[in-house]
C-alpha atoms as a PDB file:
ATOM      1  CA  UNK A   1      35.778  35.119 229.860  1.00  0.00           C
ATOM      2  CA  UNK A   2      37.531  34.351 226.596  1.00  0.00           C
ATOM      3  CA  UNK A   3      39.953  31.744 225.448  1.00  0.00           C
ATOM      4  CA  UNK A   4      43.050  31.165 223.397  1.00  0.00           C
ATOM      5  CA  UNK A   5      44.133  27.981 221.609  1.00  0.00           C
ATOM      6  CA  UNK A   6      47.785  27.169 220.930  1.00  0.00           C
ATOM      7  CA  UNK A   7      49.327  24.148 219.222  1.00  0.00           C
ATOM      8  CA  UNK A   8      52.676  23.430 220.879  1.00  0.00           C
ATOM      9  CA  UNK A   9      53.208  20.069 219.194  1.00  0.00           C
ATOM     10  CA  UNK A  10      56.825  19.663 218.195  1.00  0.00           C
ATOM     11  CA  UNK A  11      58.087  21.910 221.001  1.00  0.00           C
ATOM     12  CA  UNK A  12      60.268  20.217 223.601  1.00  0.00           C
ATOM     13  CA  UNK A  13      60.789  21.095 227.260  1.00  0.00           C
ATOM     14  CA  UNK A  14      60.955  23.885 228.366  1.00  0.00           C
ATOM     15  CA  UNK A  15      59.350  25.559 225.333  1.00  0.00           C
ATOM     16  CA  UNK A  16      55.706  24.545 226.023  1.00  0.00           C
ATOM     17  CA  UNK A  17      55.920  26.119 229.502  1.00  0.00           C
ATOM     18  CA  UNK A  18      57.649  29.245 228.207  1.00  0.00           C
ATOM     19  CA  UNK A  19      55.014  29.677 225.493  1.00  0.00           C
ATOM     20  CA  UNK A  20      52.177  29.073 227.979  1.00  0.00           C
ATOM     21  CA  UNK A  21      53.652  31.663 230.341  1.00  0.00           C
ATOM     22  CA  UNK A  22      53.901  34.253 227.578  1.00  0.00           C
ATOM     23  CA  UNK A  23      50.345  33.603 226.375  1.00  0.00           C
ATOM     24  CA  UNK A  24      48.862  33.616 229.890  1.00  0.00           C
ATOM     25  CA  UNK A  25      50.629  36.878 230.731  1.00  0.00           C
ATOM     26  CA  UNK A  26      48.799  38.491 227.811  1.00  0.00           C
ATOM     27  CA  UNK A  27      45.390  37.209 228.914  1.00  0.00           C
ATOM     28  CA  UNK A  28      42.903  38.580 231.441  1.00  0.00           C
ATOM     29  CA  UNK A  29      42.341  36.801 234.772  1.00  0.00           C
ATOM     30  CA  UNK A  30      39.765  34.044 234.291  1.00  0.00           C
ATOM     31  CA  UNK A  31      40.535  33.554 230.588  1.00  0.00           C
ATOM     32  CA  UNK A  32      41.296  29.995 229.485  1.00  0.00           C
ATOM     33  CA  UNK A  33      44.313  28.836 227.484  1.00  0.00           C
ATOM     34  CA  UNK A  34      43.956  25.541 225.637  1.00  0.00           C
ATOM     35  CA  UNK A  35      47.406  24.269 224.721  1.00  0.00           C
ATOM     36  CA  UNK A  36      48.133  21.045 222.853  1.00  0.00           C
ATOM     37  CA  UNK A  37      51.522  19.403 223.504  1.00  0.00           C
ATOM     38  CA  UNK A  38      53.225  16.199 222.415  1.00  0.00           C
ATOM     39  CA  UNK A  39      56.220  16.413 224.768  1.00  0.00           C
ATOM     40  CA  UNK A  40      55.687  13.874 227.569  1.00  0.00           C
ATOM     41  CA  UNK A  41      57.411  16.202 230.054  1.00  0.00           C
ATOM     42  CA  UNK A  42      54.566  18.693 229.624  1.00  0.00           C
ATOM     43  CA  UNK A  43      52.441  16.412 231.833  1.00  0.00           C
ATOM     44  CA  UNK A  44      54.790  17.281 234.699  1.00  0.00           C
ATOM     45  CA  UNK A  45      56.037  20.721 233.717  1.00  0.00           C
ATOM     46  CA  UNK A  46      52.792  22.543 232.864  1.00  0.00           C
ATOM     47  CA  UNK A  47      50.879  21.612 236.056  1.00  0.00           C
ATOM     48  CA  UNK A  48      53.953  22.514 238.131  1.00  0.00           C
ATOM     49  CA  UNK A  49      54.275  25.870 236.381  1.00  0.00           C
ATOM     50  CA  UNK A  50      50.560  26.576 236.909  1.00  0.00           C
ATOM     51  CA  UNK A  51      50.797  25.728 240.595  1.00  0.00           C
ATOM     52  CA  UNK A  52      53.764  28.036 241.061  1.00  0.00           C
ATOM     53  CA  UNK A  53      52.282  30.897 239.002  1.00  0.00           C
ATOM     54  CA  UNK A  54      48.752  30.803 240.440  1.00  0.00           C
ATOM     55  CA  UNK A  55      46.966  29.450 237.370  1.00  0.00           C
ATOM     56  CA  UNK A  56      44.435  26.604 237.511  1.00  0.00           C
ATOM     57  CA  UNK A  57      44.620  23.471 235.374  1.00  0.00           C
ATOM     58  CA  UNK A  58      40.968  22.824 234.548  1.00  0.00           C
ATOM     59  CA  UNK A  59      41.459  19.666 232.523  1.00  0.00           C
ATOM     60  CA  UNK A  60      44.137  17.482 230.953  1.00  0.00           C
ATOM     61  CA  UNK A  61      43.031  15.246 228.111  1.00  0.00           C
ATOM     62  CA  UNK A  62      45.500  12.612 226.953  1.00  0.00           C
ATOM     63  CA  UNK A  63      45.245  11.332 223.399  1.00  0.00           C
ATOM     64  CA  UNK A  64      47.355   8.866 221.452  1.00  0.00           C
ATOM     65  CA  UNK A  65      49.836  11.453 220.244  1.00  0.00           C
ATOM     66  CA  UNK A  66      49.230  14.591 222.329  1.00  0.00           C
ATOM     67  CA  UNK A  67      47.932  16.054 225.572  1.00  0.00           C
ATOM     68  CA  UNK A  68      45.495  18.962 225.703  1.00  0.00           C
ATOM     69  CA  UNK A  69      45.690  21.265 228.727  1.00  0.00           C
ATOM     70  CA  UNK A  70      42.956  23.727 229.634  1.00  0.00           C
ATOM     71  CA  UNK A  71      44.463  26.354 231.913  1.00  0.00           C
ATOM     72  CA  UNK A  72      42.531  29.158 233.606  1.00  0.00           C
ATOM     73  CA  UNK A  73      44.609  32.287 234.100  1.00  0.00           C
ATOM     74  CA  UNK A  74      44.957  33.246 237.730  1.00  0.00           C
ATOM     75  CA  UNK A  75      44.679  36.700 239.255  1.00  0.00           C
END
């Protein structure tokens, strides 16, 4: 299992989801994407996208100015 980090701060909806989709498509099943976002809509959009696409949100960490999502690529 390997991982990828991506800083999506400054990107507004729907760009964080589109970037996550592109990155996850290039990863192997079981790999983990860590994506940092500062768009409040990402808290709704990314988990919804993961649910629909078969990926697993492992953790969401909310900070003062950003949220960090750890997403495990599905099969």
